[in-house]
C-alpha atoms as a PDB file:
ATOM      1  CA  MET A   1     -14.378  29.668   0.707  1.00  0.00           C
ATOM      2  CA  ARG A   2     -12.999  29.974  -2.819  1.00  0.00           C
ATOM      3  CA  LEU A   3      -9.572  31.544  -3.076  1.00  0.00           C
ATOM      4  CA  GLY A   4      -7.388  32.515  -5.976  1.00  0.00           C
ATOM      5  CA  ARG A   5      -4.204  30.494  -6.408  1.00  0.00           C
ATOM      6  CA  ARG A   6      -1.836  33.030  -4.825  1.00  0.00           C
ATOM      7  CA  ALA A   7      -4.224  33.933  -2.030  1.00  0.00           C
ATOM      8  CA  MET A   8      -4.864  30.298  -1.195  1.00  0.00           C
ATOM      9  CA  LEU A   9      -1.167  29.459  -1.099  1.00  0.00           C
ATOM     10  CA  GLY A  10      -0.513  32.411   1.183  1.00  0.00           C
ATOM     11  CA  ALA A  11      -3.292  31.344   3.502  1.00  0.00           C
ATOM     12  CA  VAL A  12      -1.948  27.791   3.683  1.00  0.00           C
ATOM     13  CA  LEU A  13       1.601  28.865   4.440  1.00  0.00           C
ATOM     14  CA  ALA A  14       0.404  31.302   7.056  1.00  0.00           C
ATOM     15  CA  ALA A  15      -1.669  28.676   8.846  1.00  0.00           C
ATOM     16  CA  PRO A  16       0.203  25.363   9.124  1.00  0.00           C
ATOM     17  CA  GLY A  17      -2.079  22.456   9.829  1.00  0.00           C
ATOM     18  CA  LEU A  18      -5.068  24.234   8.279  1.00  0.00           C
ATOM     19  CA  ALA A  19      -6.721  24.916  11.609  1.00  0.00           C
ATOM     20  CA  ARG A  20      -9.034  27.461   9.959  1.00  0.00           C
ATOM     21  CA  ALA A  21     -11.729  26.943   7.330  1.00  0.00           C
ATOM     22  CA  ALA A  22     -11.534  24.170   4.760  1.00  0.00           C
ATOM     23  CA  THR A  23      -9.712  24.962   1.511  1.00  0.00           C
ATOM     24  CA  LEU A  24     -12.564  23.593  -0.609  1.00  0.00           C
ATOM     25  CA  ASP A  25     -16.216  24.355   0.066  1.00  0.00           C
ATOM     26  CA  ARG A  26     -17.193  21.097  -1.640  1.00  0.00           C
ATOM     27  CA  VAL A  27     -17.043  17.364  -1.092  1.00  0.00           C
ATOM     28  CA  ALA A  28     -13.862  15.633  -2.245  1.00  0.00           C
ATOM     29  CA  LYS A  29     -13.549  11.959  -3.183  1.00  0.00           C
ATOM     30  CA  LEU A  30     -10.598   9.775  -2.213  1.00  0.00           C
ATOM     31  CA  LEU A  31     -10.548   6.830  -4.617  1.00  0.00           C
ATOM     32  CA  VAL A  32      -9.171   3.454  -3.483  1.00  0.00           C
ATOM     33  CA  GLY A  33      -8.593   0.690  -6.005  1.00  0.00           C
ATOM     34  CA  PHE A  34      -9.303  -2.157  -3.579  1.00  0.00           C
ATOM     35  CA  PRO A  35     -12.416  -3.529  -1.856  1.00  0.00           C
ATOM     36  CA  PRO A  36     -13.388  -2.466   1.666  1.00  0.00           C
ATOM     37  CA  GLY A  37     -11.733  -4.156   4.610  1.00  0.00           C
ATOM     38  CA  GLY A  38      -8.067  -4.197   3.628  1.00  0.00           C
ATOM     39  CA  ALA A  39      -5.279  -1.958   4.860  1.00  0.00           C
ATOM     40  CA  SER A  40      -5.534   0.540   1.987  1.00  0.00           C
ATOM     41  CA  ASP A  41      -9.248   1.019   2.585  1.00  0.00           C
ATOM     42  CA  ILE A  42      -8.927   1.366   6.362  1.00  0.00           C
ATOM     43  CA  VAL A  43      -6.045   3.849   6.243  1.00  0.00           C
ATOM     44  CA  ALA A  44      -7.828   5.850   3.540  1.00  0.00           C
ATOM     45  CA  ARG A  45     -10.934   6.108   5.728  1.00  0.00           C
ATOM     46  CA  LEU A  46      -8.921   7.179   8.754  1.00  0.00           C
ATOM     47  CA  LEU A  47      -7.327   9.883   6.629  1.00  0.00           C
ATOM     48  CA  ALA A  48     -10.563  10.986   4.936  1.00  0.00           C
ATOM     49  CA  GLU A  49     -12.240  11.465   8.299  1.00  0.00           C
ATOM     50  CA  ARG A  50      -9.503  13.871   9.358  1.00  0.00           C
ATOM     51  CA  LEU A  51      -9.344  15.711   6.033  1.00  0.00           C
ATOM     52  CA  SER A  52     -13.035  16.499   6.302  1.00  0.00           C
ATOM     53  CA  GLY A  53     -13.381  20.059   7.511  1.00  0.00           C
ATOM     54  CA  THR A  54      -9.721  20.855   6.930  1.00  0.00           C
ATOM     55  CA  TYR A  55      -9.020  20.196   3.260  1.00  0.00           C
ATOM     56  CA  ALA A  56     -12.646  20.019   2.103  1.00  0.00           C
ATOM     57  CA  THR A  57     -16.040  20.291   3.742  1.00  0.00           C
ATOM     58  CA  GLN A  58     -16.160  16.502   3.545  1.00  0.00           C
ATOM     59  CA  VAL A  59     -13.821  13.852   2.142  1.00  0.00           C
ATOM     60  CA  VAL A  60     -15.404  10.506   1.295  1.00  0.00           C
ATOM     61  CA  VAL A  61     -13.725   7.242   0.312  1.00  0.00           C
ATOM     62  CA  GLU A  62     -14.921   5.596  -2.882  1.00  0.00           C
ATOM     63  CA  ASN A  63     -13.806   2.005  -3.415  1.00  0.00           C
ATOM     64  CA  ARG A  64     -13.357   1.287  -7.091  1.00  0.00           C
ATOM     65  CA  PRO A  65     -11.693  -2.138  -7.398  1.00  0.00           C
ATOM     66  CA  GLY A  66     -10.982  -3.732 -10.728  1.00  0.00           C
ATOM     67  CA  ALA A  67      -8.169  -4.264 -13.225  1.00  0.00           C
ATOM     68  CA  ALA A  68      -5.714  -4.727 -10.345  1.00  0.00           C
ATOM     69  CA  ALA A  69      -6.549  -1.254  -8.966  1.00  0.00           C
ATOM     70  CA  ARG A  70      -5.991   0.462 -12.302  1.00  0.00           C
ATOM     71  CA  LEU A  71      -9.639   1.505 -12.683  1.00  0.00           C
ATOM     72  CA  ALA A  72      -9.324   3.887  -9.757  1.00  0.00           C
ATOM     73  CA  ILE A  73      -6.005   5.247 -10.967  1.00  0.00           C
ATOM     74  CA  GLU A  74      -7.275   5.885 -14.480  1.00  0.00           C
ATOM     75  CA  ALA A  75     -10.396   7.548 -13.102  1.00  0.00           C
ATOM     76  CA  VAL A  76      -8.295  10.022 -11.146  1.00  0.00           C
ATOM     77  CA  LYS A  77      -5.979  10.600 -14.097  1.00  0.00           C
ATOM     78  CA  THR A  78      -8.892  11.810 -16.223  1.00  0.00           C
ATOM     79  CA  ALA A  79     -10.668  13.721 -13.441  1.00  0.00           C
ATOM     80  CA  ALA A  80     -10.856  17.495 -13.403  1.00  0.00           C
ATOM     81  CA  PRO A  81      -7.752  18.939 -11.711  1.00  0.00           C
ATOM     82  CA  ASP A  82      -9.824  20.890  -9.210  1.00  0.00           C
ATOM     83  CA  GLY A  83      -8.853  19.024  -6.045  1.00  0.00           C
ATOM     84  CA  THR A  84     -12.152  17.164  -5.648  1.00  0.00           C
ATOM     85  CA  THR A  85     -11.031  13.765  -6.995  1.00  0.00           C
ATOM     86  CA  LEU A  86      -7.960  12.272  -5.352  1.00  0.00           C
ATOM     87  CA  LEU A  87      -6.163   8.930  -5.316  1.00  0.00           C
ATOM     88  CA  PHE A  88      -5.089   6.904  -2.290  1.00  0.00           C
ATOM     89  CA  THR A  89      -2.818   4.093  -3.428  1.00  0.00           C
ATOM     90  CA  PRO A  90       0.155   1.893  -2.711  1.00  0.00           C
ATOM     91  CA  GLU A  91       3.209   3.199  -4.520  1.00  0.00           C
ATOM     92  CA  SER A  92       3.623  -0.121  -6.353  1.00  0.00           C
ATOM     93  CA  MET A  93       0.839   0.817  -8.740  1.00  0.00           C
ATOM     94  CA  PHE A  94       3.377   3.297 -10.121  1.00  0.00           C
ATOM     95  CA  GLY A  95       6.649   1.574  -9.228  1.00  0.00           C
ATOM     96  CA  ILE A  96       5.921  -2.009 -10.328  1.00  0.00           C
ATOM     97  CA  TYR A  97       3.110  -1.821 -12.877  1.00  0.00           C
ATOM     98  CA  PRO A  98       5.280  -0.205 -15.587  1.00  0.00           C
ATOM     99  CA  HIS A  99       7.321  -3.431 -15.588  1.00  0.00           C
ATOM    100  CA  ILE A 100       4.384  -5.819 -16.001  1.00  0.00           C
ATOM    101  CA  TYR A 101       1.893  -3.865 -18.134  1.00  0.00           C
ATOM    102  CA  LYS A 102       4.487  -2.763 -20.650  1.00  0.00           C
ATOM    103  CA  ARG A 103       2.091  -2.341 -23.564  1.00  0.00           C
ATOM    104  CA  THR A 104      -1.189  -1.460 -21.947  1.00  0.00           C
ATOM    105  CA  LEU A 105      -0.461   0.760 -18.951  1.00  0.00           C
ATOM    106  CA  ARG A 106      -2.256   4.012 -19.627  1.00  0.00           C
ATOM    107  CA  TYR A 107      -0.737   6.156 -16.902  1.00  0.00           C
ATOM    108  CA  GLY A 108       2.531   7.111 -15.257  1.00  0.00           C
ATOM    109  CA  VAL A 109       3.568   9.211 -12.293  1.00  0.00           C
ATOM    110  CA  GLU A 110       4.063  12.095 -14.733  1.00  0.00           C
ATOM    111  CA  ASP A 111       0.271  12.134 -15.269  1.00  0.00           C
ATOM    112  CA  PHE A 112      -0.335  13.009 -11.623  1.00  0.00           C
ATOM    113  CA  ALA A 113       0.539  15.555  -9.004  1.00  0.00           C
ATOM    114  CA  PRO A 114       2.044  13.575  -6.089  1.00  0.00           C
ATOM    115  CA  VAL A 115       0.930  15.071  -2.785  1.00  0.00           C
ATOM    116  CA  SER A 116       2.420  13.126   0.110  1.00  0.00           C
ATOM    117  CA  ALA A 117       3.384   9.704   1.358  1.00  0.00           C
ATOM    118  CA  VAL A 118       1.021   8.774   4.187  1.00  0.00           C
ATOM    119  CA  THR A 119       2.306   5.590   5.818  1.00  0.00           C
ATOM    120  CA  GLU A 120       5.019   2.968   5.412  1.00  0.00           C
ATOM    121  CA  PHE A 121       4.638  -0.726   6.155  1.00  0.00           C
ATOM    122  CA  GLY A 122       6.147  -4.146   5.644  1.00  0.00           C
ATOM    123  CA  PHE A 123       4.767  -7.543   4.671  1.00  0.00           C
ATOM    124  CA  GLY A 124       4.343 -10.856   6.378  1.00  0.00           C
ATOM    125  CA  PHE A 125       4.703 -14.395   5.068  1.00  0.00           C
ATOM    126  CA  SER A 126       2.085 -16.510   6.806  1.00  0.00           C
ATOM    127  CA  VAL A 127       0.618 -20.008   6.936  1.00  0.00           C
ATOM    128  CA  ALA A 128      -2.548 -21.372   8.515  1.00  0.00           C
ATOM    129  CA  SER A 129      -2.284 -22.300  12.181  1.00  0.00           C
ATOM    130  CA  GLN A 130      -2.616 -26.006  11.366  1.00  0.00           C
ATOM    131  CA  HIS A 131       0.345 -25.925   8.956  1.00  0.00           C
ATOM    132  CA  PRO A 132       3.192 -28.252  10.002  1.00  0.00           C
ATOM    133  CA  ALA A 133       5.840 -25.526   9.717  1.00  0.00           C
ATOM    134  CA  ARG A 134       6.407 -23.797  13.038  1.00  0.00           C
ATOM    135  CA  ASP A 135       8.991 -21.273  11.821  1.00  0.00           C
ATOM    136  CA  TRP A 136      10.556 -19.985   8.617  1.00  0.00           C
ATOM    137  CA  ALA A 137      13.268 -22.636   8.458  1.00  0.00           C
ATOM    138  CA  GLY A 138      10.602 -25.287   8.893  1.00  0.00           C
ATOM    139  CA  PHE A 139       8.545 -23.831   6.054  1.00  0.00           C
ATOM    140  CA  VAL A 140      11.520 -23.775   3.686  1.00  0.00           C
ATOM    141  CA  ALA A 141      12.303 -27.414   4.476  1.00  0.00           C
ATOM    142  CA  TRP A 142       8.649 -28.370   4.054  1.00  0.00           C
ATOM    143  CA  ALA A 143       8.302 -26.483   0.748  1.00  0.00           C
ATOM    144  CA  LYS A 144      11.416 -28.123  -0.701  1.00  0.00           C
ATOM    145  CA  ALA A 145       9.939 -31.530   0.062  1.00  0.00           C
ATOM    146  CA  GLN A 146       6.705 -30.874  -1.855  1.00  0.00           C
ATOM    147  CA  PRO A 147       6.366 -32.508  -5.278  1.00  0.00           C
ATOM    148  CA  GLN A 148       4.520 -29.485  -6.654  1.00  0.00           C
ATOM    149  CA  ALA A 149       4.873 -25.742  -6.234  1.00  0.00           C
ATOM    150  CA  VAL A 150       3.373 -24.340  -3.036  1.00  0.00           C
ATOM    151  CA  THR A 151       0.361 -22.086  -3.605  1.00  0.00           C
ATOM    152  CA  TYR A 152       0.259 -18.692  -1.936  1.00  0.00           C
ATOM    153  CA  ALA A 153      -2.099 -15.722  -2.059  1.00  0.00           C
ATOM    154  CA  THR A 154      -1.523 -11.999  -2.243  1.00  0.00           C
ATOM    155  CA  PRO A 155      -4.004  -9.106  -2.466  1.00  0.00           C
ATOM    156  CA  ALA A 156      -3.326  -8.639  -6.193  1.00  0.00           C
ATOM    157  CA  ALA A 157      -1.203  -9.936  -9.021  1.00  0.00           C
ATOM    158  CA  GLY A 158       1.649  -7.554  -9.707  1.00  0.00           C
ATOM    159  CA  SER A 159       1.663  -6.149  -6.189  1.00  0.00           C
ATOM    160  CA  THR A 160       4.736  -5.695  -4.013  1.00  0.00           C
ATOM    161  CA  PRO A 161       3.806  -8.729  -1.847  1.00  0.00           C
ATOM    162  CA  HIS A 162       3.661 -10.794  -5.052  1.00  0.00           C
ATOM    163  CA  PHE A 163       7.191  -9.938  -6.144  1.00  0.00           C
ATOM    164  CA  TRP A 164       8.615  -9.927  -2.630  1.00  0.00           C
ATOM    165  CA  ALA A 165       7.356 -13.511  -2.303  1.00  0.00           C
ATOM    166  CA  GLU A 166       8.870 -14.425  -5.677  1.00  0.00           C
ATOM    167  CA  GLN A 167      12.192 -12.883  -4.686  1.00  0.00           C
ATOM    168  CA  THR A 168      12.036 -14.697  -1.340  1.00  0.00           C
ATOM    169  CA  ALA A 169      11.329 -18.028  -3.036  1.00  0.00           C
ATOM    170  CA  ARG A 170      14.310 -17.691  -5.365  1.00  0.00           C
ATOM    171  CA  ALA A 171      16.589 -16.709  -2.487  1.00  0.00           C
ATOM    172  CA  HIS A 172      15.632 -19.875  -0.606  1.00  0.00           C
ATOM    173  CA  GLY A 173      15.379 -22.298  -3.524  1.00  0.00           C
ATOM    174  CA  ILE A 174      11.686 -23.080  -3.125  1.00  0.00           C
ATOM    175  CA  ARG A 175       8.871 -23.140  -5.697  1.00  0.00           C
ATOM    176  CA  LEU A 176       5.811 -20.999  -5.165  1.00  0.00           C
ATOM    177  CA  ALA A 177       2.683 -20.689  -7.327  1.00  0.00           C
ATOM    178  CA  HIS A 178       0.910 -17.355  -7.044  1.00  0.00           C
ATOM    179  CA  VAL A 179      -2.868 -17.121  -6.631  1.00  0.00           C
ATOM    180  CA  SER A 180      -4.305 -13.621  -6.948  1.00  0.00           C
ATOM    181  CA  TYR A 181      -7.321 -12.346  -5.035  1.00  0.00           C
ATOM    182  CA  ARG A 182      -9.144  -9.024  -5.100  1.00  0.00           C
ATOM    183  CA  GLY A 183      -7.861  -8.029  -1.697  1.00  0.00           C
ATOM    184  CA  ILE A 184      -6.511 -10.410   0.930  1.00  0.00           C
ATOM    185  CA  GLN A 185      -9.709 -10.908   2.915  1.00  0.00           C
ATOM    186  CA  PRO A 186     -11.284 -13.301   0.352  1.00  0.00           C
ATOM    187  CA  ALA A 187      -8.148 -15.480   0.510  1.00  0.00           C
ATOM    188  CA  PHE A 188      -8.382 -16.239   4.221  1.00  0.00           C
ATOM    189  CA  PRO A 189     -11.148 -18.885   3.991  1.00  0.00           C
ATOM    190  CA  ASP A 190      -9.078 -20.772   1.398  1.00  0.00           C
ATOM    191  CA  LEU A 191      -5.967 -20.490   3.569  1.00  0.00           C
ATOM    192  CA  PHE A 192      -7.719 -21.661   6.721  1.00  0.00           C
ATOM    193  CA  GLY A 193      -9.436 -24.455   4.795  1.00  0.00           C
ATOM    194  CA  GLY A 194      -6.171 -25.821   3.418  1.00  0.00           C
ATOM    195  CA  ARG A 195      -6.816 -24.925  -0.221  1.00  0.00           C
ATOM    196  CA  LEU A 196      -3.866 -22.510  -0.061  1.00  0.00           C
ATOM    197  CA  GLN A 197      -0.565 -23.097   1.696  1.00  0.00           C
ATOM    198  CA  ALA A 198       0.476 -19.505   2.435  1.00  0.00           C
ATOM    199  CA  ALA A 199      -0.579 -15.864   2.312  1.00  0.00           C
ATOM    200  CA  VAL A 200       1.692 -12.871   1.794  1.00  0.00           C
ATOM    201  CA  THR A 201       0.327  -9.416   2.440  1.00  0.00           C
ATOM    202  CA  VAL A 202       0.586  -6.240   4.475  1.00  0.00           C
ATOM    203  CA  PHE A 203       1.761  -7.195   7.960  1.00  0.00           C
ATOM    204  CA  GLY A 204      -1.098  -5.340   9.597  1.00  0.00           C
ATOM    205  CA  ASP A 205      -3.673  -7.381   7.650  1.00  0.00           C
ATOM    206  CA  LEU A 206      -2.312 -10.545   9.285  1.00  0.00           C
ATOM    207  CA  TYR A 207      -2.060  -9.276  12.844  1.00  0.00           C
ATOM    208  CA  GLU A 208      -5.617  -9.903  14.029  1.00  0.00           C
ATOM    209  CA  GLN A 209      -5.715 -13.280  12.297  1.00  0.00           C
ATOM    210  CA  GLN A 210      -2.608 -14.349  14.196  1.00  0.00           C
ATOM    211  CA  ARG A 211      -3.986 -13.010  17.459  1.00  0.00           C
ATOM    212  CA  GLY A 212      -7.157 -15.013  16.810  1.00  0.00           C
ATOM    213  CA  GLY A 213      -5.159 -18.191  16.322  1.00  0.00           C
ATOM    214  CA  HIS A 214      -6.071 -18.592  12.656  1.00  0.00           C
ATOM    215  CA  LEU A 215      -2.633 -18.220  11.134  1.00  0.00           C
ATOM    216  CA  ARG A 216       1.058 -17.993  11.936  1.00  0.00           C
ATOM    217  CA  ILE A 217       3.316 -15.254  10.532  1.00  0.00           C
ATOM    218  CA  LEU A 218       6.698 -16.830   9.840  1.00  0.00           C
ATOM    219  CA  ALA A 219       8.753 -13.851   8.676  1.00  0.00           C
ATOM    220  CA  ALA A 220       8.503 -10.121   8.019  1.00  0.00           C
ATOM    221  CA  SER A 221       9.928  -7.991   5.223  1.00  0.00           C
ATOM    222  CA  SER A 222      10.440  -4.878   7.342  1.00  0.00           C
ATOM    223  CA  PRO A 223      13.951  -3.832   8.440  1.00  0.00           C
ATOM    224  CA  GLN A 224      13.205  -4.799  12.046  1.00  0.00           C
ATOM    225  CA  ARG A 225      10.659  -6.780  14.026  1.00  0.00           C
ATOM    226  CA  SER A 226       7.204  -5.376  14.583  1.00  0.00           C
ATOM    227  CA  ALA A 227       6.603  -3.917  18.016  1.00  0.00           C
ATOM    228  CA  LYS A 228       3.194  -5.583  17.988  1.00  0.00           C
ATOM    229  CA  LEU A 229       4.503  -9.062  17.196  1.00  0.00           C
ATOM    230  CA  PRO A 230       8.124  -9.113  18.342  1.00  0.00           C
ATOM    231  CA  GLU A 231       8.226 -12.901  18.080  1.00  0.00           C
ATOM    232  CA  VAL A 232       8.128 -12.709  14.252  1.00  0.00           C
ATOM    233  CA  PRO A 233      11.675 -12.447  12.837  1.00  0.00           C
ATOM    234  CA  ALA A 234      12.608 -10.064  10.052  1.00  0.00           C
ATOM    235  CA  MET A 235      14.236 -11.484   6.920  1.00  0.00           C
ATOM    236  CA  ARG A 236      17.342  -9.436   7.680  1.00  0.00           C
ATOM    237  CA  GLU A 237      17.777 -11.415  10.890  1.00  0.00           C
ATOM    238  CA  LEU A 238      17.355 -14.639   8.961  1.00  0.00           C
ATOM    239  CA  GLY A 239      20.405 -13.797   6.856  1.00  0.00           C
ATOM    240  CA  HIS A 240      18.717 -12.122   3.903  1.00  0.00           C
ATOM    241  CA  PRO A 241      19.158  -8.324   3.976  1.00  0.00           C
ATOM    242  CA  GLU A 242      18.322  -8.204   0.260  1.00  0.00           C
ATOM    243  CA  LEU A 243      14.784  -9.247   1.172  1.00  0.00           C
ATOM    244  CA  VAL A 244      14.072  -6.134   3.230  1.00  0.00           C
ATOM    245  CA  ALA A 245      11.124  -4.435   1.578  1.00  0.00           C
ATOM    246  CA  THR A 246       8.582  -1.809   2.569  1.00  0.00           C
ATOM    247  CA  GLU A 247       5.860   0.035   0.749  1.00  0.00           C
ATOM    248  CA  GLN A 248       4.186   3.383   1.179  1.00  0.00           C
ATOM    249  CA  PHE A 249       0.596   4.477   0.855  1.00  0.00           C
ATOM    250  CA  GLY A 250       0.273   7.916  -0.609  1.00  0.00           C
ATOM    251  CA  VAL A 251      -2.057  10.529  -2.021  1.00  0.00           C
ATOM    252  CA  LEU A 252      -1.919  11.862  -5.565  1.00  0.00           C
ATOM    253  CA  ALA A 253      -4.045  14.394  -7.421  1.00  0.00           C
ATOM    254  CA  PRO A 254      -4.682  14.628 -11.174  1.00  0.00           C
ATOM    255  CA  GLY A 255      -1.917  16.203 -13.179  1.00  0.00           C
ATOM    256  CA  GLY A 256      -2.401  19.927 -13.602  1.00  0.00           C
ATOM    257  CA  THR A 257      -3.890  20.421 -10.136  1.00  0.00           C
ATOM    258  CA  PRO A 258      -2.924  23.951  -9.021  1.00  0.00           C
ATOM    259  CA  THR A 259       0.102  24.105  -6.743  1.00  0.00           C
ATOM    260  CA  ALA A 260      -1.938  25.899  -4.099  1.00  0.00           C
ATOM    261  CA  LEU A 261      -4.344  22.969  -3.830  1.00  0.00           C
ATOM    262  CA  VAL A 262      -1.502  20.449  -3.686  1.00  0.00           C
ATOM    263  CA  VAL A 263       0.142  22.431  -0.903  1.00  0.00           C
ATOM    264  CA  ALA A 264      -3.134  22.736   0.984  1.00  0.00           C
ATOM    265  CA  LEU A 265      -3.806  19.014   0.718  1.00  0.00           C
ATOM    266  CA  ARG A 266      -0.275  18.130   1.760  1.00  0.00           C
ATOM    267  CA  GLU A 267      -0.550  20.365   4.824  1.00  0.00           C
ATOM    268  CA  ALA A 268      -3.875  18.774   5.734  1.00  0.00           C
ATOM    269  CA  VAL A 269      -2.388  15.273   5.398  1.00  0.00           C
ATOM    270  CA  VAL A 270       0.559  16.168   7.633  1.00  0.00           C
ATOM    271  CA  ALA A 271      -1.789  17.685  10.206  1.00  0.00           C
ATOM    272  CA  ALA A 272      -3.968  14.573  10.146  1.00  0.00           C
ATOM    273  CA  LEU A 273      -0.962  12.315  10.702  1.00  0.00           C
ATOM    274  CA  ALA A 274       0.079  14.390  13.710  1.00  0.00           C
ATOM    275  CA  GLN A 275      -3.181  13.719  15.556  1.00  0.00           C
ATOM    276  CA  PRO A 276      -2.716  11.283  18.467  1.00  0.00           C
ATOM    277  CA  SER A 277      -5.881   9.378  17.570  1.00  0.00           C
ATOM    278  CA  MET A 278      -4.583   8.858  14.019  1.00  0.00           C
ATOM    279  CA  ARG A 279      -1.179   7.689  15.192  1.00  0.00           C
ATOM    280  CA  GLU A 280      -2.759   5.283  17.660  1.00  0.00           C
ATOM    281  CA  ALA A 281      -5.036   3.825  14.990  1.00  0.00           C
ATOM    282  CA  LEU A 282      -2.127   3.399  12.586  1.00  0.00           C
ATOM    283  CA  ALA A 283       0.024   1.780  15.258  1.00  0.00           C
ATOM    284  CA  ARG A 284      -2.669  -0.850  15.779  1.00  0.00           C
ATOM    285  CA  MET A 285      -2.302  -1.717  12.083  1.00  0.00           C
ATOM    286  CA  ASP A 286       1.510  -1.688  12.136  1.00  0.00           C
ATOM    287  CA  GLN A 287       1.479   1.340   9.810  1.00  0.00           C
ATOM    288  CA  ALA A 288       4.176   3.969  10.404  1.00  0.00           C
ATOM    289  CA  PRO A 289       2.928   7.538   9.778  1.00  0.00           C
ATOM    290  CA  LEU A 290       5.048   9.519   7.362  1.00  0.00           C
ATOM    291  CA  GLY A 291       4.056  12.772   5.705  1.00  0.00           C
ATOM    292  CA  SER A 292       6.413  13.911   2.955  1.00  0.00           C
ATOM    293  CA  THR A 293       6.789  16.629   0.411  1.00  0.00           C
ATOM    294  CA  PRO A 294       5.428  16.008  -3.095  1.00  0.00           C
ATOM    295  CA  GLU A 295       9.003  15.857  -4.352  1.00  0.00           C
ATOM    296  CA  GLN A 296      10.002  13.237  -1.776  1.00  0.00           C
ATOM    297  CA  PHE A 297       7.037  11.044  -2.636  1.00  0.00           C
ATOM    298  CA  ALA A 298       7.731  11.323  -6.373  1.00  0.00           C
ATOM    299  CA  THR A 299      11.385  10.409  -5.786  1.00  0.00           C
ATOM    300  CA  ARG A 300      10.371   7.401  -3.700  1.00  0.00           C
ATOM    301  CA  ILE A 301       8.127   6.138  -6.513  1.00  0.00           C
ATOM    302  CA  ARG A 302      10.931   6.442  -9.072  1.00  0.00           C
ATOM    303  CA  THR A 303      13.449   4.765  -6.751  1.00  0.00           C
ATOM    304  CA  GLU A 304      11.125   1.812  -6.182  1.00  0.00           C
ATOM    305  CA  ARG A 305      10.457   1.589  -9.916  1.00  0.00           C
ATOM    306  CA  ASP A 306      14.195   1.174 -10.499  1.00  0.00           C
ATOM    307  CA  ARG A 307      14.533  -1.354  -7.678  1.00  0.00           C
ATOM    308  CA  TRP A 308      11.735  -3.689  -8.744  1.00  0.00           C
ATOM    309  CA  GLY A 309      12.486  -3.736 -12.465  1.00  0.00           C
ATOM    310  CA  PRO A 310      15.173  -6.463 -12.300  1.00  0.00           C
ATOM    311  CA  ILE A 311      13.146  -8.472  -9.753  1.00  0.00           C
ATOM    312  CA  VAL A 312      10.063  -8.472 -11.969  1.00  0.00           C
ATOM    313  CA  ALA A 313      12.180  -9.430 -14.981  1.00  0.00           C
ATOM    314  CA  ALA A 314      13.765 -12.329 -13.076  1.00  0.00           C
ATOM    315  CA  SER A 315      10.316 -13.643 -12.132  1.00  0.00           C
ATOM    316  CA  GLY A 316       9.311 -13.892 -15.780  1.00  0.00           C
ATOM    317  CA  TYR A 317       5.894 -12.435 -14.917  1.00  0.00           C
ATOM    318  CA  SER A 318       4.168 -10.152 -17.416  1.00  0.00           C
ATOM    319  CA  VAL A 319       0.654  -9.368 -18.511  1.00  0.00           C
ATOM    320  CA  GLU A 320      -0.468  -9.299 -22.128  1.00  0.00           C
ATOM    321  CA  GLU A 321      -3.837  -7.583 -22.483  1.00  0.00           C
END
């Protein structure tokens, strides 16, 4: 079903949720800049499954890791603005990267058509189950007693977990040494084997590992405790409201994508997030479903860009490529 721009927009507005035929009679790709298995990949696949038959005849996830997720972003930037190549990404790729790739970043939010925020989530600071620290206060005391900086992993250098951990370390007067992995899953064997002392990542990526007895989450960045793990305190409760931090996954299309397609995709995303099966799956991952307007998502990206600038500068971290 190929529609002109005005006709398509009218059809979308007349049929909220896109319960009728798909907007595109083709396959659409949803690019993810991380390997399979992590939160971004899993949420993207849950979404793609529900966009198939509503937004496009089929929506498939294509993992394209590399260059700290920038390969996927740059691929979408240069894709045809016809709605068939889309980006699923954490907002930090737009909010934090401008502060660390000052000379080499080849994209900005202005190069894209933001569609919608999809979910919001916090982070967890974790140690292996055999670690001597039983709680956050114990970890801080232990870290201060170490002669060298404590190594910790995140899913990627320059990610929100990276700078949240750096901010947390400065607030508590401890020394941390960052070790970057391509996704958090490859870091777990090193954590469990004692070659790393901590892991900081999306809270939902740590949940099953804690349930399995492999690690212990000591603190969360979210404004309140997780309903799934209410025993884990939030940093706000520990006396550090400045360490509250969340991130959003969202969908963006190439710049120049017709408004009608952006509207259609946004409506399909909102409809997908309203499905009980989707909400249940997200709840298991500690991901809060959102759904926003393109303008709200773009504003969120710019707000986070302003917030993290001073934190990145204080860390002294930058990348010269």
